[in-house]
Protein backbone atom coordinates (compact mmCIF):
# COMPACT_ATOMS: atom_id res chain seq x y z
CA UNK A 1 115.73 70.84 -186.72
CA UNK A 2 116.18 74.60 -186.55
CA UNK A 3 114.42 76.17 -189.62
CA UNK A 4 116.93 78.95 -189.78
CA UNK A 5 119.82 76.53 -189.85
CA UNK A 6 118.04 74.44 -192.51
CA UNK A 7 117.62 77.49 -194.75
CA UNK A 8 121.23 78.55 -194.16
CA UNK A 9 122.67 75.15 -195.07
CA UNK A 10 120.31 74.18 -198.01
CA UNK A 11 119.02 77.55 -199.20
CA UNK A 12 120.28 77.08 -202.77
CA UNK A 13 118.57 73.74 -203.23
CA UNK A 14 115.37 75.01 -201.68
CA UNK A 15 115.37 77.99 -204.06
CA UNK A 16 115.83 75.75 -207.13
CA UNK A 17 113.11 73.41 -205.90
CA UNK A 18 110.70 76.29 -205.42
CA UNK A 19 111.39 77.54 -208.98
CA UNK A 20 110.76 74.10 -210.42
CA UNK A 21 107.50 73.85 -208.49
CA UNK A 22 106.35 77.19 -209.85
CA UNK A 23 107.17 76.00 -213.36
CA UNK A 24 105.02 72.91 -212.96
CA UNK A 25 102.13 74.91 -211.55
CA UNK A 26 102.45 77.40 -214.33
CA UNK A 27 102.28 74.66 -216.98
CA UNK A 28 99.28 72.99 -215.38
CA UNK A 29 97.31 76.17 -214.97
CA UNK A 30 98.41 77.25 -218.45
CA UNK A 31 96.92 74.16 -220.05
CA UNK A 32 93.72 74.64 -218.18
CA UNK A 33 93.25 78.33 -218.82
CA UNK A 34 94.56 78.73 -222.39
CA UNK A 35 94.63 76.95 -225.64
CA UNK A 36 97.33 74.59 -226.81
CA UNK A 37 99.34 77.21 -228.70
CA UNK A 38 99.15 79.66 -225.90
CA UNK A 39 100.20 76.98 -223.45
CA UNK A 40 103.23 75.98 -225.50
CA UNK A 41 104.29 79.57 -225.92
CA UNK A 42 104.00 80.17 -222.17
CA UNK A 43 105.95 77.03 -221.35
CA UNK A 44 108.77 78.04 -223.62
CA UNK A 45 108.95 81.44 -222.00
CA UNK A 46 109.00 79.90 -218.50
CA UNK A 47 111.70 77.41 -219.42
CA UNK A 48 113.81 80.26 -220.72
CA UNK A 49 113.37 82.17 -217.45
CA UNK A 50 114.35 79.14 -215.35
CA UNK A 51 117.42 78.38 -217.48
CA UNK A 52 118.54 81.97 -217.22
CA UNK A 53 118.10 81.84 -213.39
CA UNK A 54 120.06 78.61 -213.13
CA UNK A 55 122.94 79.99 -215.20
CA UNK A 56 123.13 83.26 -213.27
CA UNK A 57 122.80 81.64 -209.77
CA UNK A 58 126.10 80.03 -208.81
CA UNK A 59 127.43 78.82 -205.48
CA UNK A 60 129.65 81.58 -204.04
CA UNK A 61 133.32 80.69 -203.68
CA UNK A 62 134.54 79.81 -200.17
CA UNK A 63 135.79 82.87 -198.40
CA UNK A 64 139.51 82.86 -197.76
CA UNK A 65 140.23 82.58 -194.06
CA UNK A 66 143.81 83.74 -193.55
CA UNK A 67 143.38 83.66 -189.80
CA UNK A 68 143.01 79.86 -189.95
CA UNK A 69 146.63 79.62 -191.02
CA UNK A 70 147.68 81.02 -187.64
CA UNK A 71 146.48 77.89 -185.86
CA UNK A 72 149.21 75.37 -185.16
CA UNK A 73 146.79 72.63 -184.24
CA UNK A 74 143.21 71.89 -183.18
CA UNK A 75 144.13 72.57 -179.55
CA UNK A 76 144.91 76.26 -180.12
CA UNK A 77 142.31 78.95 -179.64
CA UNK A 78 141.78 81.18 -182.73
CA UNK A 79 141.09 84.80 -181.92
CA UNK A 80 138.27 85.23 -184.48
CA UNK A 81 134.79 86.41 -183.50
CA UNK A 82 131.74 84.37 -184.45
CA UNK A 83 130.62 85.15 -188.00
CA UNK A 84 128.04 83.85 -190.45
CA UNK A 85 126.74 84.44 -193.95
CA UNK A 86 123.84 83.09 -195.98
CA UNK A 87 125.59 79.85 -196.78
CA UNK A 88 128.04 78.98 -193.97
CA UNK A 89 128.27 79.45 -190.18
CA UNK A 90 131.60 79.62 -188.37
CA UNK A 91 131.98 78.81 -184.67
CA UNK A 92 134.91 79.86 -182.50
CA UNK A 93 136.27 77.22 -180.09
CA UNK A 94 138.60 77.62 -177.11
CA UNK A 95 140.69 74.97 -175.34
CA UNK A 96 140.19 75.24 -171.58
CA UNK A 97 143.05 73.03 -170.36
CA UNK A 98 145.85 71.02 -171.90
CA UNK A 99 147.70 68.59 -169.57
CA UNK A 100 151.18 67.56 -170.66
CA UNK A 101 153.69 65.55 -168.64
CA UNK A 102 153.39 64.33 -165.03
CA UNK A 103 150.56 65.35 -162.74
CA UNK A 104 151.55 67.90 -160.06
CA UNK A 105 152.24 66.52 -156.58
CA UNK A 106 150.10 68.23 -153.88
CA UNK A 107 152.08 70.11 -151.23
CA UNK A 108 151.38 68.88 -147.70
CA UNK A 109 150.31 71.45 -145.11
CA UNK A 110 151.45 71.57 -141.48
CA UNK A 111 150.75 68.38 -139.56
CA UNK A 112 148.35 68.25 -136.63
CA UNK A 113 149.84 68.11 -133.13
CA UNK A 114 148.87 65.63 -130.43
CA UNK A 115 147.30 66.61 -127.11
CA UNK A 116 146.95 63.72 -124.66
CA UNK A 117 145.73 63.70 -121.07
CA UNK A 118 148.36 64.47 -118.41
CA UNK A 119 149.53 61.82 -115.99
CA UNK A 120 147.40 60.81 -113.03
CA UNK A 121 147.73 63.39 -110.22
CA UNK A 122 149.69 61.70 -107.43
CA UNK A 123 148.24 62.95 -104.11
CA UNK A 124 150.21 63.03 -100.88
CA UNK A 125 148.33 63.73 -97.64
CA UNK A 126 150.13 66.25 -95.47
CA UNK A 127 149.06 67.64 -92.14
CA UNK A 128 146.05 69.79 -92.99
CA UNK A 129 146.68 69.72 -96.74
CA UNK A 130 146.93 67.53 -99.85
CA UNK A 131 149.81 67.94 -102.28
CA UNK A 132 149.43 66.91 -105.94
CA UNK A 133 152.07 66.03 -108.50
CA UNK A 134 151.63 65.31 -112.22
CA UNK A 135 153.36 65.76 -115.60
CA UNK A 136 152.44 66.14 -119.26
CA UNK A 137 151.85 63.02 -121.33
CA UNK A 138 154.99 61.75 -123.06
CA UNK A 139 153.22 61.64 -126.46
CA UNK A 140 151.90 65.22 -126.32
CA UNK A 141 153.53 67.34 -129.05
CA UNK A 142 151.69 70.65 -128.63
CA UNK A 143 152.42 73.44 -126.18
CA UNK A 144 150.34 73.45 -122.99
CA UNK A 145 148.94 76.85 -121.96
CA UNK A 146 147.84 75.89 -118.47
CA UNK A 147 146.62 73.16 -116.15
CA UNK A 148 143.42 73.49 -114.15
CA UNK A 149 143.18 71.70 -110.79
CA UNK A 150 139.68 70.30 -110.29
CA UNK A 151 138.28 68.88 -107.04
CA UNK A 152 135.06 67.51 -105.56
CA UNK A 153 134.05 65.73 -102.38
CA UNK A 154 133.66 61.97 -102.67
CA UNK A 155 130.08 61.33 -103.70
CA UNK A 156 129.73 64.87 -105.03
CA UNK A 157 128.17 65.47 -108.42
CA UNK A 158 130.28 68.29 -109.81
CA UNK A 159 133.98 69.17 -110.00
CA UNK A 160 135.05 72.72 -109.17
CA UNK A 161 138.26 74.48 -110.10
CA UNK A 162 140.38 75.19 -107.03
CA UNK A 163 143.56 76.39 -108.71
CA UNK A 164 145.79 76.39 -111.77
CA UNK A 165 149.42 75.91 -112.81
CA UNK A 166 151.34 77.26 -115.80
CA UNK A 167 151.99 74.95 -118.72
CA UNK A 168 155.12 74.79 -120.88
CA UNK A 169 154.08 77.32 -123.55
CA UNK A 170 157.11 79.24 -124.78
CA UNK A 171 159.58 77.08 -122.82
CA UNK A 172 160.94 75.16 -125.82
CA UNK A 173 162.63 76.24 -129.03
CA UNK A 174 160.38 76.64 -132.09
CA UNK A 175 159.54 73.28 -133.62
CA UNK A 176 160.63 71.37 -130.51
CA UNK A 177 158.68 69.81 -127.64
CA UNK A 178 159.25 71.00 -124.07
CA UNK A 179 160.79 68.56 -121.63
CA UNK A 180 158.23 66.86 -119.37
CA UNK A 181 158.70 67.98 -115.76
CA UNK A 182 156.78 67.32 -112.54
CA UNK A 183 154.23 69.98 -111.65
CA UNK A 184 153.34 70.54 -107.99
CA UNK A 185 150.23 71.98 -106.40
CA UNK A 186 149.33 72.21 -102.70
CA UNK A 187 145.65 72.11 -101.80
CA UNK A 188 145.64 73.82 -98.42
CA UNK A 189 141.87 74.18 -98.15
CA UNK A 190 140.76 70.71 -97.14
CA UNK A 191 138.47 69.72 -94.31
CA UNK A 192 139.77 67.10 -91.87
CA UNK A 193 138.73 63.49 -92.43
CA UNK A 194 137.07 64.37 -95.72
CA UNK A 195 137.83 62.42 -98.90
CA UNK A 196 138.43 64.41 -102.09
CA UNK A 197 138.55 63.42 -105.76
CA UNK A 198 141.05 65.30 -107.94
CA UNK A 199 141.64 65.55 -111.69
CA UNK A 200 143.80 67.76 -113.91
CA UNK A 201 142.55 69.53 -117.05
CA UNK A 202 145.19 70.33 -119.68
CA UNK A 203 144.45 73.24 -122.08
CA UNK A 204 146.16 74.40 -125.27
CA UNK A 205 145.56 77.16 -127.83
CA UNK A 206 147.63 75.43 -130.52
CA UNK A 207 145.51 75.74 -133.71
CA UNK A 208 146.89 72.42 -135.00
CA UNK A 209 146.15 70.43 -131.82
CA UNK A 210 143.78 67.50 -132.23
CA UNK A 211 142.09 68.47 -128.94
CA UNK A 212 141.96 71.85 -127.19
CA UNK A 213 141.23 70.38 -123.75
CA UNK A 214 141.86 66.96 -122.17
CA UNK A 215 141.33 65.57 -118.67
CA UNK A 216 143.45 63.22 -116.57
CA UNK A 217 142.09 60.24 -114.69
CA UNK A 218 140.81 60.85 -111.17
CA UNK A 219 142.77 60.41 -107.93
CA UNK A 220 141.50 60.18 -104.36
CA UNK A 221 142.89 61.53 -101.06
CA UNK A 222 141.55 61.78 -97.50
CA UNK A 223 142.55 64.71 -95.31
CA UNK A 224 143.54 63.79 -91.79
CA UNK A 225 144.08 66.00 -88.75
CA UNK A 226 142.30 69.23 -87.83
CA UNK A 227 145.66 70.56 -86.64
CA UNK A 228 148.89 71.22 -88.47
CA UNK A 229 152.11 72.51 -86.93
CA UNK A 230 155.18 73.80 -88.73
CA UNK A 231 158.67 74.34 -87.35
CA UNK A 232 159.73 77.74 -88.68
CA UNK A 233 162.97 78.27 -86.76
CA UNK A 234 164.43 78.27 -83.29
CA UNK A 235 167.49 77.81 -81.11
CA UNK A 236 168.99 74.45 -80.18
CA UNK A 237 171.93 74.84 -77.78
CA UNK A 238 172.79 73.14 -74.52
CA UNK A 239 171.57 76.12 -72.53
CA UNK A 240 168.59 77.22 -74.60
CA UNK A 241 166.06 75.27 -76.63
CA UNK A 242 163.27 77.35 -78.13
CA UNK A 243 161.13 76.56 -81.18
CA UNK A 244 159.29 79.00 -83.42
CA UNK A 245 156.13 77.11 -84.37
CA UNK A 246 153.17 77.99 -86.57
CA UNK A 247 149.88 76.39 -85.59
CA UNK A 248 147.37 75.88 -88.38
CA UNK A 249 143.92 74.75 -87.28
CA UNK A 250 140.60 74.08 -88.97
CA UNK A 251 137.53 75.86 -87.57
CA UNK A 252 134.27 74.13 -88.44
CA UNK A 253 132.04 77.17 -87.96
CA UNK A 254 133.82 79.20 -90.66
CA UNK A 255 134.95 76.10 -92.59
CA UNK A 256 138.47 77.41 -93.09
CA UNK A 257 142.00 77.21 -91.69
CA UNK A 258 143.56 79.90 -89.54
CA UNK A 259 147.17 80.32 -88.44
CA UNK A 260 148.91 81.61 -85.31
CA UNK A 261 152.65 81.81 -84.51
CA UNK A 262 154.11 80.79 -81.13
CA UNK A 263 157.49 80.72 -79.41
CA UNK A 264 157.57 77.49 -77.43
CA UNK A 265 160.10 76.17 -74.92
CA UNK A 266 160.80 72.46 -74.43
CA UNK A 267 158.14 70.95 -72.17
CA UNK A 268 155.50 73.61 -72.92
CA UNK A 269 152.17 72.97 -74.68
CA UNK A 270 151.83 74.23 -78.23
CA UNK A 271 149.00 76.71 -78.87
CA UNK A 272 146.42 78.50 -76.75
CA UNK A 273 143.21 80.50 -77.09
CA UNK A 274 143.52 83.77 -78.96
CA UNK A 275 141.28 86.69 -79.75
CA UNK A 276 141.20 87.91 -83.34
CA UNK A 277 139.24 90.55 -85.13
CA UNK A 278 136.84 89.45 -87.85
CA UNK A 279 135.88 92.70 -89.49
CA UNK A 280 135.16 95.00 -86.55
CA UNK A 281 134.17 92.19 -84.20
CA UNK A 282 136.61 90.55 -81.77
CA UNK A 283 136.22 86.78 -81.66
CA UNK A 284 137.94 84.04 -79.69
CA UNK A 285 139.70 81.26 -81.54
CA UNK A 286 140.93 78.10 -79.88
CA UNK A 287 144.43 77.26 -81.14
CA UNK A 288 145.00 74.65 -78.43
CA UNK A 289 146.53 71.64 -80.16
CA UNK A 290 147.11 69.18 -77.34
CA UNK A 291 150.73 68.91 -78.58
CA UNK A 292 153.76 69.32 -76.31
CA UNK A 293 157.27 70.24 -77.44
CA UNK A 294 159.57 67.41 -76.35
CA UNK A 295 162.89 68.50 -77.86
CA UNK A 296 164.56 70.61 -80.55
CA UNK A 297 167.97 69.89 -81.98
CA UNK A 298 170.35 70.54 -84.89
CA UNK A 299 171.25 67.48 -86.95
CA UNK A 300 172.66 66.54 -90.31
CA UNK A 301 169.94 66.01 -92.82
CA UNK A 302 170.38 64.46 -96.29
CA UNK A 303 169.36 67.00 -98.91
CA UNK A 304 169.08 66.26 -102.63
CA UNK A 305 169.87 68.99 -105.10
CA UNK A 306 170.68 69.33 -108.80
CA UNK A 307 174.00 70.60 -110.11
CA UNK A 308 175.40 71.22 -113.59
CA UNK A 309 178.92 70.08 -114.45
CA UNK A 310 180.98 70.39 -117.64
CA UNK A 311 182.36 67.21 -119.15
CA UNK A 312 184.07 66.18 -122.37
CA UNK A 313 181.93 63.94 -124.55
CA UNK A 314 183.22 62.80 -127.93
CA UNK A 315 185.82 65.56 -127.80
CA UNK A 316 183.25 68.28 -127.09
CA UNK A 317 182.67 70.15 -123.83
CA UNK A 318 179.04 69.68 -122.75
CA UNK A 319 176.98 70.50 -119.67
CA UNK A 320 175.63 67.53 -117.71
CA UNK A 321 172.94 67.79 -115.03
CA UNK A 322 173.41 65.60 -111.99
CA UNK A 323 171.53 65.04 -108.74
CA UNK A 324 173.64 64.80 -105.62
CA UNK A 325 172.87 64.18 -101.94
CA UNK A 326 174.50 66.37 -99.30
CA UNK A 327 174.24 66.31 -95.53
CA UNK A 328 173.25 69.73 -94.30
CA UNK A 329 172.64 70.95 -90.77
CA UNK A 330 168.95 71.56 -90.05
CA UNK A 331 166.64 72.02 -87.08
CA UNK A 332 164.43 69.12 -86.06
CA UNK A 333 161.81 69.06 -83.30
CA UNK A 334 160.13 66.21 -81.49
CA UNK A 335 156.56 66.64 -80.21
CA UNK A 336 153.97 64.51 -78.49
CA UNK A 337 150.59 64.77 -80.28
CA UNK A 338 147.08 64.80 -78.82
CA UNK A 339 146.99 60.98 -78.91
CA UNK A 340 150.26 60.67 -76.96
CA UNK A 341 152.34 59.62 -80.00
CA UNK A 342 155.83 61.00 -80.53
CA UNK A 343 156.24 62.79 -83.85
CA UNK A 344 159.47 64.13 -85.38
CA UNK A 345 159.50 66.98 -87.85
CA UNK A 346 162.24 68.81 -89.77
CA UNK A 347 162.11 72.55 -90.26
CA UNK A 348 159.76 73.53 -93.11
CA UNK A 349 159.02 69.87 -93.70
CA UNK A 350 155.34 70.29 -94.62
CA UNK A 351 155.76 73.42 -96.75
CA UNK A 352 156.91 71.77 -99.98
CA UNK A 353 159.37 73.89 -102.03
CA UNK A 354 157.86 74.94 -105.37
CA UNK A 355 154.30 74.05 -104.40
CA UNK A 356 151.56 76.55 -105.09
CA UNK A 357 149.12 77.61 -102.42
CA UNK A 358 145.45 76.86 -103.20
CA UNK A 359 143.29 79.78 -104.16
């Protein structure tokens, strides 16, 4: 026990006990040191002193504490500093928290958005190129910043980025999800008879997205011919049949594709040797295809296109998108390839509208 506290709480009793002890000692020593009369006289004097001390020493009255009346209950803090005297100690208390009524319901923050892998890239092998088509996952709820087109040779260890396509960021109203649409990409830098593996990487900067980057499954495509020809225009009348043809050919030494334009009449071979400058050096390039122009003509070709029409629906005028098929006149050529097979091709048939050229 704290000695100070003991003295503070029982000081009066301790004082009286000490006085009594002194009295006893005084009597004992008095009997020893003096005669009987002297001892009696001394005892009487000491008893008188003790009685006088007891009568004059009274417990002090409790101090009035008017500030206690301000408290409405034990829960209320009393603005009174700590104080003490020789007999009593007072301690100030303060209530930290009082809970009354129902507990507060936590407010939910913004919910996380979902970022799932885009659909499998659907490759289509064209002459001298591979076209890819994919779309965002139907369960994705975040905005997509961009798509990265990744490619590697079959058996290769590492994918490399060969191009990109814009995502749907900013294309939908706030709080809504953009409509899933097909995305097209044309890989025009393929080597003939090589097999490639493709995948699409979807990226978002949405701070609430569960994943910042996801990858699609892989798709495979094998490039075919070393030669590609494109019908760019021409004349198809009874008296004159001329085709404007672009020859695109792969050159193994430089491992890239080069193009050359030709005006070809029916019955003539397509392509020939050309000299081109590479830097300051003139080099010969063989654009001979082994193809022969058999015919060129104008025919009706079914073309699909989207239109928007206004219709009444539930008494309200709304816009409705429809896809229609129209027969349009277009040039078509017939050629015989280097294997003797007859091949038909519409104008601009290989160059897919909306496709991006590989970088």
